[in-house]
Amino acid sequence: MGSLSIWHWLVVILVVVLLFGRGKISDLMGDVAKGINSFKRGLADDEDEKTAAKPIETKTAEKEPS
């Protein structure tokens, strides 16, 4: 009852190809790849902004002599 055999996977793949067709699946995978590349570029841009930004200087309050 546990895992699926190779025949189950072949039937699932056949049904998916019949329902969506080869063209739609390749278009969908292309869109997924574009999304992943866009996400990676966004992460790289964030890293560039962090390294390019100047660190904020914090002012420490001077202690008054007692």
Protein backbone atom coordinates (compact mmCIF):
# COMPACT_ATOMS: atom_id res chain seq x y z
CA MET A 1 0.00 0.00 0.00
CA GLY A 2 2.98 2.34 0.48
CA SER A 3 4.72 3.71 -2.59
CA LEU A 4 3.64 3.82 -6.19
CA SER A 5 5.16 1.45 -8.73
CA ILE A 6 6.59 2.46 -12.10
CA TRP A 7 3.30 1.53 -13.78
CA HIS A 8 1.38 3.98 -11.61
CA TRP A 9 3.78 6.78 -12.54
CA LEU A 10 3.54 5.94 -16.25
CA VAL A 11 -0.26 6.09 -16.12
CA VAL A 12 -0.16 9.42 -14.26
CA ILE A 13 2.28 10.89 -16.80
CA LEU A 14 0.16 9.61 -19.70
CA VAL A 15 -2.99 11.21 -18.26
CA VAL A 16 -1.23 14.51 -17.67
CA VAL A 17 0.12 14.57 -21.24
CA LEU A 18 -3.29 13.70 -22.65
CA LEU A 19 -5.04 16.40 -20.62
CA PHE A 20 -2.60 19.25 -21.10
CA GLY A 21 -0.77 18.33 -24.29
CA ARG A 22 2.96 18.63 -24.85
CA GLY A 23 2.79 22.31 -25.86
CA LYS A 24 1.06 23.51 -22.72
CA ILE A 25 3.42 21.57 -20.46
CA SER A 26 6.53 23.00 -22.13
CA ASP A 27 5.04 26.52 -21.95
CA LEU A 28 4.28 26.00 -18.27
CA MET A 29 7.82 24.79 -17.55
CA GLY A 30 9.22 27.81 -19.43
CA ASP A 31 7.12 30.13 -17.26
CA VAL A 32 8.31 28.36 -14.12
CA ALA A 33 11.93 28.75 -15.25
CA LYS A 34 11.41 32.46 -15.91
CA GLY A 35 9.92 32.86 -12.44
CA ILE A 36 12.87 31.12 -10.81
CA ASN A 37 15.35 33.28 -12.72
CA SER A 38 13.46 36.42 -11.73
CA PHE A 39 13.50 35.32 -8.10
CA LYS A 40 17.26 34.70 -8.21
CA ARG A 41 17.86 38.13 -9.79
CA GLY A 42 15.77 39.71 -7.05
CA LEU A 43 17.84 38.00 -4.36
CA ALA A 44 21.06 39.11 -6.05
CA ASP A 45 19.78 42.70 -6.24
CA ASP A 46 18.99 42.65 -2.52
CA GLU A 47 22.51 41.46 -1.72
CA ASP A 48 24.00 44.21 -3.93
CA GLU A 49 21.93 46.85 -2.15
CA LYS A 50 23.06 45.61 1.25
CA THR A 51 26.74 45.77 0.33
CA ALA A 52 26.40 49.14 -1.43
CA ALA A 53 24.53 50.82 1.44
CA LYS A 54 26.62 52.71 3.92
CA PRO A 55 26.36 51.49 7.48
CA ILE A 56 24.32 53.76 9.72
CA GLU A 57 26.38 55.36 12.43
CA THR A 58 24.78 55.13 15.80
CA LYS A 59 25.31 57.87 18.28
CA THR A 60 25.92 56.72 21.79
CA ALA A 61 24.73 58.94 24.57
CA GLU A 62 27.61 60.37 26.53
CA LYS A 63 27.41 59.62 30.18
CA GLU A 64 27.31 62.67 32.37
CA PRO A 65 29.81 62.70 35.21
CA SER A 66 28.15 62.28 38.60
